[in-house]
All heavy atoms as atom14 arrays in JSON, in Angstrom:
{
  "sequence": "EPSVLFNLLIPLSGIYSQELLTHLLSAVTLVSTLNS",
  "atom14_mask": [
    [1, 1, 1, 1, 1, 1, 1, 1, 1, 0, 0, 0, 0, 0],
    [1, 1, 1, 1, 1, 1, 1, 0, 0, 0, 0, 0, 0, 0],
    [1, 1, 1, 1, 1, 1, 0, 0, 0, 0, 0, 0, 0, 0],
    [1, 1, 1, 1, 1, 1, 1, 0, 0, 0, 0, 0, 0, 0],
    [1, 1, 1, 1, 1, 1, 1, 1, 0, 0, 0, 0, 0, 0],
    [1, 1, 1, 1, 1, 1, 1, 1, 1, 1, 1, 0, 0, 0],
    [1, 1, 1, 1, 1, 1, 1, 1, 0, 0, 0, 0, 0, 0],
    [1, 1, 1, 1, 1, 1, 1, 1, 0, 0, 0, 0, 0, 0],
    [1, 1, 1, 1, 1, 1, 1, 1, 0, 0, 0, 0, 0, 0],
    [1, 1, 1, 1, 1, 1, 1, 1, 0, 0, 0, 0, 0, 0],
    [1, 1, 1, 1, 1, 1, 1, 0, 0, 0, 0, 0, 0, 0],
    [1, 1, 1, 1, 1, 1, 1, 1, 0, 0, 0, 0, 0, 0],
    [1, 1, 1, 1, 1, 1, 0, 0, 0, 0, 0, 0, 0, 0],
    [1, 1, 1, 1, 0, 0, 0, 0, 0, 0, 0, 0, 0, 0],
    [1, 1, 1, 1, 1, 1, 1, 1, 0, 0, 0, 0, 0, 0],
    [1, 1, 1, 1, 1, 1, 1, 1, 1, 1, 1, 1, 0, 0],
    [1, 1, 1, 1, 1, 1, 0, 0, 0, 0, 0, 0, 0, 0],
    [1, 1, 1, 1, 1, 1, 1, 1, 1, 0, 0, 0, 0, 0],
    [1, 1, 1, 1, 1, 1, 1, 1, 1, 0, 0, 0, 0, 0],
    [1, 1, 1, 1, 1, 1, 1, 1, 0, 0, 0, 0, 0, 0],
    [1, 1, 1, 1, 1, 1, 1, 1, 0, 0, 0, 0, 0, 0],
    [1, 1, 1, 1, 1, 1, 1, 0, 0, 0, 0, 0, 0, 0],
    [1, 1, 1, 1, 1, 1, 1, 1, 1, 1, 0, 0, 0, 0],
    [1, 1, 1, 1, 1, 1, 1, 1, 0, 0, 0, 0, 0, 0],
    [1, 1, 1, 1, 1, 1, 1, 1, 0, 0, 0, 0, 0, 0],
    [1, 1, 1, 1, 1, 1, 0, 0, 0, 0, 0, 0, 0, 0],
    [1, 1, 1, 1, 1, 0, 0, 0, 0, 0, 0, 0, 0, 0],
    [1, 1, 1, 1, 1, 1, 1, 0, 0, 0, 0, 0, 0, 0],
    [1, 1, 1, 1, 1, 1, 1, 0, 0, 0, 0, 0, 0, 0],
    [1, 1, 1, 1, 1, 1, 1, 1, 0, 0, 0, 0, 0, 0],
    [1, 1, 1, 1, 1, 1, 1, 0, 0, 0, 0, 0, 0, 0],
    [1, 1, 1, 1, 1, 1, 0, 0, 0, 0, 0, 0, 0, 0],
    [1, 1, 1, 1, 1, 1, 1, 0, 0, 0, 0, 0, 0, 0],
    [1, 1, 1, 1, 1, 1, 1, 1, 0, 0, 0, 0, 0, 0],
    [1, 1, 1, 1, 1, 1, 1, 1, 0, 0, 0, 0, 0, 0],
    [1, 1, 1, 1, 1, 1, 0, 0, 0, 0, 0, 0, 0, 0]
  ],
  "atom14_positions": [
    [[51.28, 17.2, -44.94], [51.78, 16.27, -45.95], [50.74, 16.15, -47.07], [49.56, 16.52, -46.92], [52.06, 14.9, -45.33], [50.83, 14.15, -44.87], [51.17, 12.72, -44.46], [52.33, 12.33, -44.62], [50.26, 12.02, -44.02], [0.0, 0.0, 0.0], [0.0, 0.0, 0.0], [0.0, 0.0, 0.0], [0.0, 0.0, 0.0], [0.0, 0.0, 0.0]],
    [[51.14, 15.62, -48.24], [50.21, 15.57, -49.39], [48.89, 14.88, -49.11], [47.85, 15.36, -49.57], [51.05, 14.8, -50.44], [52.46, 15.11, -50.1], [52.51, 15.19, -48.61], [0.0, 0.0, 0.0], [0.0, 0.0, 0.0], [0.0, 0.0, 0.0], [0.0, 0.0, 0.0], [0.0, 0.0, 0.0], [0.0, 0.0, 0.0], [0.0, 0.0, 0.0]],
    [[48.89, 13.77, -48.36], [47.62, 13.06, -48.12], [46.65, 13.9, -47.32], [45.42, 13.86, -47.54], [47.89, 11.74, -47.4], [48.49, 11.97, -46.14], [0.0, 0.0, 0.0], [0.0, 0.0, 0.0], [0.0, 0.0, 0.0], [0.0, 0.0, 0.0], [0.0, 0.0, 0.0], [0.0, 0.0, 0.0], [0.0, 0.0, 0.0], [0.0, 0.0, 0.0]],
    [[47.17, 14.72, -46.38], [46.3, 15.6, -45.61], [45.77, 16.73, -46.49], [44.61, 17.15, -46.35], [47.06, 16.18, -44.4], [46.21, 17.19, -43.64], [47.5, 15.06, -43.46], [0.0, 0.0, 0.0], [0.0, 0.0, 0.0], [0.0, 0.0, 0.0], [0.0, 0.0, 0.0], [0.0, 0.0, 0.0], [0.0, 0.0, 0.0], [0.0, 0.0, 0.0]],
    [[46.59, 17.21, -47.41], [46.1, 18.22, -48.36], [44.91, 17.68, -49.17], [43.91, 18.36, -49.31], [47.23, 18.64, -49.31], [48.46, 19.32, -48.7], [49.42, 19.75, -49.81], [48.07, 20.52, -47.86], [0.0, 0.0, 0.0], [0.0, 0.0, 0.0], [0.0, 0.0, 0.0], [0.0, 0.0, 0.0], [0.0, 0.0, 0.0], [0.0, 0.0, 0.0]],
    [[45.06, 16.45, -49.67], [43.99, 15.87, -50.49], [42.74, 15.53, -49.7], [41.62, 15.7, -50.2], [44.51, 14.61, -51.2], [45.45, 14.88, -52.33], [46.72, 14.35, -52.33], [45.08, 15.67, -53.4], [47.62, 14.59, -53.36], [45.95, 15.93, -54.45], [47.21, 15.39, -54.44], [0.0, 0.0, 0.0], [0.0, 0.0, 0.0], [0.0, 0.0, 0.0]],
    [[42.9, 15.05, -48.48], [41.77, 14.52, -47.73], [41.16, 15.53, -46.76], [40.09, 15.24, -46.2], [42.2, 13.28, -46.95], [42.53, 12.11, -47.85], [41.74, 11.76, -48.74], [43.68, 11.5, -47.66], [0.0, 0.0, 0.0], [0.0, 0.0, 0.0], [0.0, 0.0, 0.0], [0.0, 0.0, 0.0], [0.0, 0.0, 0.0], [0.0, 0.0, 0.0]],
    [[41.8, 16.66, -46.55], [41.24, 17.62, -45.59], [41.34, 19.05, -46.05], [40.3, 19.74, -46.2], [41.96, 17.45, -44.23], [41.49, 18.38, -43.12], [40.03, 18.12, -42.78], [42.37, 18.23, -41.86], [0.0, 0.0, 0.0], [0.0, 0.0, 0.0], [0.0, 0.0, 0.0], [0.0, 0.0, 0.0], [0.0, 0.0, 0.0], [0.0, 0.0, 0.0]],
    [[42.54, 19.58, -46.25], [42.72, 21.01, -46.49], [42.16, 21.47, -47.81], [41.51, 22.53, -47.89], [44.21, 21.37, -46.38], [44.86, 21.1, -45.02], [46.31, 21.54, -45.0], [44.08, 21.82, -43.91], [0.0, 0.0, 0.0], [0.0, 0.0, 0.0], [0.0, 0.0, 0.0], [0.0, 0.0, 0.0], [0.0, 0.0, 0.0], [0.0, 0.0, 0.0]],
    [[42.38, 20.72, -48.87], [41.83, 21.12, -50.17], [40.3, 21.04, -50.17], [39.63, 21.98, -50.63], [42.45, 20.29, -51.31], [43.93, 20.66, -51.49], [41.69, 20.49, -52.63], [44.65, 19.84, -52.54], [0.0, 0.0, 0.0], [0.0, 0.0, 0.0], [0.0, 0.0, 0.0], [0.0, 0.0, 0.0], [0.0, 0.0, 0.0], [0.0, 0.0, 0.0]],
    [[39.69, 19.95, -49.66], [38.22, 19.96, -49.57], [37.67, 21.12, -48.74], [36.64, 21.68, -49.08], [37.91, 18.6, -48.92], [39.04, 17.73, -49.33], [40.25, 18.61, -49.33], [0.0, 0.0, 0.0], [0.0, 0.0, 0.0], [0.0, 0.0, 0.0], [0.0, 0.0, 0.0], [0.0, 0.0, 0.0], [0.0, 0.0, 0.0], [0.0, 0.0, 0.0]],
    [[38.36, 21.46, -47.64], [37.88, 22.57, -46.81], [37.93, 23.89, -47.55], [37.16, 24.81, -47.21], [38.71, 22.66, -45.52], [38.46, 21.56, -44.47], [39.35, 21.78, -43.26], [36.99, 21.54, -44.05], [0.0, 0.0, 0.0], [0.0, 0.0, 0.0], [0.0, 0.0, 0.0], [0.0, 0.0, 0.0], [0.0, 0.0, 0.0], [0.0, 0.0, 0.0]],
    [[38.8, 24.01, -48.55], [38.84, 25.27, -49.31], [37.56, 25.51, -50.07], [37.26, 26.64, -50.44], [40.03, 25.24, -50.29], [39.82, 24.28, -51.33], [0.0, 0.0, 0.0], [0.0, 0.0, 0.0], [0.0, 0.0, 0.0], [0.0, 0.0, 0.0], [0.0, 0.0, 0.0], [0.0, 0.0, 0.0], [0.0, 0.0, 0.0], [0.0, 0.0, 0.0]],
    [[36.77, 24.44, -50.29], [35.49, 24.6, -50.97], [34.5, 25.41, -50.16], [33.51, 25.9, -50.7], [0.0, 0.0, 0.0], [0.0, 0.0, 0.0], [0.0, 0.0, 0.0], [0.0, 0.0, 0.0], [0.0, 0.0, 0.0], [0.0, 0.0, 0.0], [0.0, 0.0, 0.0], [0.0, 0.0, 0.0], [0.0, 0.0, 0.0], [0.0, 0.0, 0.0]],
    [[34.73, 25.53, -48.86], [33.86, 26.38, -48.04], [33.96, 27.82, -48.5], [32.95, 28.57, -48.5], [34.25, 26.25, -46.54], [34.0, 24.83, -46.05], [33.47, 27.27, -45.69], [34.48, 24.58, -44.64], [0.0, 0.0, 0.0], [0.0, 0.0, 0.0], [0.0, 0.0, 0.0], [0.0, 0.0, 0.0], [0.0, 0.0, 0.0], [0.0, 0.0, 0.0]],
    [[35.16, 28.23, -48.9], [35.34, 29.59, -49.38], [34.88, 29.74, -50.83], [34.13, 30.67, -51.13], [36.82, 29.99, -49.28], [37.17, 31.26, -50.0], [36.78, 32.49, -49.51], [37.87, 31.23, -51.22], [37.07, 33.66, -50.18], [38.18, 32.38, -51.9], [37.78, 33.59, -51.38], [38.07, 34.76, -52.05], [0.0, 0.0, 0.0], [0.0, 0.0, 0.0]],
    [[35.31, 28.81, -51.69], [35.01, 28.98, -53.1], [35.19, 27.65, -53.83], [36.2, 26.96, -53.65], [35.92, 30.04, -53.72], [35.91, 30.0, -55.12], [0.0, 0.0, 0.0], [0.0, 0.0, 0.0], [0.0, 0.0, 0.0], [0.0, 0.0, 0.0], [0.0, 0.0, 0.0], [0.0, 0.0, 0.0], [0.0, 0.0, 0.0], [0.0, 0.0, 0.0]],
    [[34.23, 27.29, -54.68], [34.36, 26.1, -55.51], [35.47, 26.3, -56.53], [36.17, 25.34, -56.91], [33.04, 25.79, -56.21], [33.06, 24.55, -57.08], [33.23, 23.27, -56.28], [32.97, 23.25, -55.09], [33.63, 22.19, -56.95], [0.0, 0.0, 0.0], [0.0, 0.0, 0.0], [0.0, 0.0, 0.0], [0.0, 0.0, 0.0], [0.0, 0.0, 0.0]],
    [[35.65, 27.54, -56.99], [36.72, 27.83, -57.93], [38.09, 27.55, -57.3], [38.99, 26.97, -57.94], [36.66, 29.29, -58.37], [37.76, 29.68, -59.36], [37.76, 31.17, -59.66], [36.92, 31.91, -59.08], [38.63, 31.61, -60.44], [0.0, 0.0, 0.0], [0.0, 0.0, 0.0], [0.0, 0.0, 0.0], [0.0, 0.0, 0.0], [0.0, 0.0, 0.0]],
    [[38.26, 27.93, -56.04], [39.52, 27.69, -55.33], [39.73, 26.19, -55.16], [40.85, 25.68, -55.35], [39.49, 28.38, -53.97], [40.71, 28.12, -53.06], [42.0, 28.54, -53.73], [40.52, 28.83, -51.72], [0.0, 0.0, 0.0], [0.0, 0.0, 0.0], [0.0, 0.0, 0.0], [0.0, 0.0, 0.0], [0.0, 0.0, 0.0], [0.0, 0.0, 0.0]],
    [[38.68, 25.45, -54.81], [38.81, 24.01, -54.64], [39.23, 23.35, -55.94], [40.13, 22.49, -55.95], [37.47, 23.44, -54.15], [37.43, 21.96, -53.72], [36.31, 21.74, -52.73], [37.25, 21.02, -54.89], [0.0, 0.0, 0.0], [0.0, 0.0, 0.0], [0.0, 0.0, 0.0], [0.0, 0.0, 0.0], [0.0, 0.0, 0.0], [0.0, 0.0, 0.0]],
    [[38.6, 23.72, -57.05], [38.92, 23.15, -58.35], [40.37, 23.45, -58.74], [41.1, 22.58, -59.21], [37.98, 23.7, -59.43], [36.62, 23.39, -59.07], [38.29, 23.09, -60.78], [0.0, 0.0, 0.0], [0.0, 0.0, 0.0], [0.0, 0.0, 0.0], [0.0, 0.0, 0.0], [0.0, 0.0, 0.0], [0.0, 0.0, 0.0], [0.0, 0.0, 0.0]],
    [[40.79, 24.7, -58.5], [42.14, 25.11, -58.84], [43.15, 24.34, -58.01], [44.15, 23.82, -58.55], [42.27, 26.62, -58.6], [43.35, 27.26, -59.39], [43.16, 28.36, -60.18], [44.68, 26.95, -59.53], [44.31, 28.72, -60.75], [45.24, 27.85, -60.36], [0.0, 0.0, 0.0], [0.0, 0.0, 0.0], [0.0, 0.0, 0.0], [0.0, 0.0, 0.0]],
    [[42.93, 24.26, -56.71], [43.86, 23.57, -55.83], [43.93, 22.07, -56.15], [45.03, 21.5, -56.28], [43.44, 23.76, -54.38], [43.84, 25.06, -53.7], [43.17, 25.17, -52.33], [45.35, 25.16, -53.54], [0.0, 0.0, 0.0], [0.0, 0.0, 0.0], [0.0, 0.0, 0.0], [0.0, 0.0, 0.0], [0.0, 0.0, 0.0], [0.0, 0.0, 0.0]],
    [[42.78, 21.44, -56.28], [42.76, 19.99, -56.49], [43.42, 19.6, -57.8], [44.22, 18.66, -57.84], [41.32, 19.47, -56.43], [41.16, 17.96, -56.53], [41.93, 17.25, -55.42], [39.69, 17.57, -56.46], [0.0, 0.0, 0.0], [0.0, 0.0, 0.0], [0.0, 0.0, 0.0], [0.0, 0.0, 0.0], [0.0, 0.0, 0.0], [0.0, 0.0, 0.0]],
    [[43.1, 20.32, -58.88], [43.68, 19.97, -60.16], [45.18, 20.25, -60.2], [45.96, 19.42, -60.68], [42.98, 20.72, -61.29], [42.97, 22.13, -61.04], [0.0, 0.0, 0.0], [0.0, 0.0, 0.0], [0.0, 0.0, 0.0], [0.0, 0.0, 0.0], [0.0, 0.0, 0.0], [0.0, 0.0, 0.0], [0.0, 0.0, 0.0], [0.0, 0.0, 0.0]],
    [[45.61, 21.38, -59.67], [47.04, 21.74, -59.71], [47.87, 20.83, -58.8], [48.91, 20.3, -59.21], [47.23, 23.2, -59.29], [0.0, 0.0, 0.0], [0.0, 0.0, 0.0], [0.0, 0.0, 0.0], [0.0, 0.0, 0.0], [0.0, 0.0, 0.0], [0.0, 0.0, 0.0], [0.0, 0.0, 0.0], [0.0, 0.0, 0.0], [0.0, 0.0, 0.0]],
    [[47.43, 20.64, -57.56], [48.19, 19.82, -56.61], [48.22, 18.36, -57.06], [49.21, 17.67, -56.9], [47.62, 19.96, -55.19], [48.34, 19.02, -54.23], [47.74, 21.39, -54.69], [0.0, 0.0, 0.0], [0.0, 0.0, 0.0], [0.0, 0.0, 0.0], [0.0, 0.0, 0.0], [0.0, 0.0, 0.0], [0.0, 0.0, 0.0], [0.0, 0.0, 0.0]],
    [[47.13, 17.89, -57.67], [47.1, 16.53, -58.17], [48.12, 16.32, -59.29], [48.86, 15.34, -59.3], [45.7, 16.18, -58.69], [44.76, 16.2, -57.62], [45.68, 14.79, -59.33], [0.0, 0.0, 0.0], [0.0, 0.0, 0.0], [0.0, 0.0, 0.0], [0.0, 0.0, 0.0], [0.0, 0.0, 0.0], [0.0, 0.0, 0.0], [0.0, 0.0, 0.0]],
    [[48.19, 17.26, -60.22], [49.16, 17.16, -61.31], [50.59, 17.21, -60.78], [51.45, 16.42, -61.2], [48.93, 18.29, -62.32], [47.71, 18.16, -63.23], [47.47, 19.44, -64.0], [47.89, 16.99, -64.18], [0.0, 0.0, 0.0], [0.0, 0.0, 0.0], [0.0, 0.0, 0.0], [0.0, 0.0, 0.0], [0.0, 0.0, 0.0], [0.0, 0.0, 0.0]],
    [[50.84, 18.12, -59.86], [52.19, 18.25, -59.3], [52.57, 17.02, -58.5], [53.71, 16.5, -58.61], [52.28, 19.52, -58.42], [53.57, 19.53, -57.61], [52.2, 20.77, -59.28], [0.0, 0.0, 0.0], [0.0, 0.0, 0.0], [0.0, 0.0, 0.0], [0.0, 0.0, 0.0], [0.0, 0.0, 0.0], [0.0, 0.0, 0.0], [0.0, 0.0, 0.0]],
    [[51.65, 16.5, -57.71], [51.93, 15.3, -56.92], [52.16, 14.08, -57.81], [53.0, 13.23, -57.5], [50.77, 15.03, -55.94], [51.06, 13.96, -55.09], [0.0, 0.0, 0.0], [0.0, 0.0, 0.0], [0.0, 0.0, 0.0], [0.0, 0.0, 0.0], [0.0, 0.0, 0.0], [0.0, 0.0, 0.0], [0.0, 0.0, 0.0], [0.0, 0.0, 0.0]],
    [[51.43, 14.01, -58.92], [51.64, 12.9, -59.86], [53.04, 12.97, -60.48], [53.72, 11.95, -60.62], [50.57, 12.93, -60.97], [49.28, 12.89, -60.37], [50.74, 11.75, -61.9], [0.0, 0.0, 0.0], [0.0, 0.0, 0.0], [0.0, 0.0, 0.0], [0.0, 0.0, 0.0], [0.0, 0.0, 0.0], [0.0, 0.0, 0.0], [0.0, 0.0, 0.0]],
    [[53.48, 14.17, -60.85], [54.85, 14.32, -61.36], [55.86, 13.86, -60.32], [56.85, 13.2, -60.65], [55.1, 15.79, -61.73], [54.37, 16.33, -62.96], [54.62, 17.83, -63.12], [54.84, 15.61, -64.23], [0.0, 0.0, 0.0], [0.0, 0.0, 0.0], [0.0, 0.0, 0.0], [0.0, 0.0, 0.0], [0.0, 0.0, 0.0], [0.0, 0.0, 0.0]],
    [[55.63, 14.23, -59.08], [56.54, 13.86, -58.0], [56.6, 12.35, -57.83], [57.69, 11.76, -57.73], [56.09, 14.53, -56.71], [56.98, 14.21, -55.53], [56.9, 13.15, -54.94], [57.85, 15.15, -55.19], [0.0, 0.0, 0.0], [0.0, 0.0, 0.0], [0.0, 0.0, 0.0], [0.0, 0.0, 0.0], [0.0, 0.0, 0.0], [0.0, 0.0, 0.0]],
    [[55.45, 11.7, -57.79], [55.42, 10.26, -57.55], [56.0, 9.49, -58.73], [56.63, 8.43, -58.54], [53.99, 9.8, -57.25], [53.1, 10.17, -58.28], [0.0, 0.0, 0.0], [0.0, 0.0, 0.0], [0.0, 0.0, 0.0], [0.0, 0.0, 0.0], [0.0, 0.0, 0.0], [0.0, 0.0, 0.0], [0.0, 0.0, 0.0], [0.0, 0.0, 0.0]]
  ]
}
């Protein structure tokens, strides 16, 4: 669910790449804001 993405899965992506974390966090945040 979205809260798990924000609090766990997206932060864990930073282990692989800070670029991936930035991309995921900014994109998913914008999309989730549109949804809400």
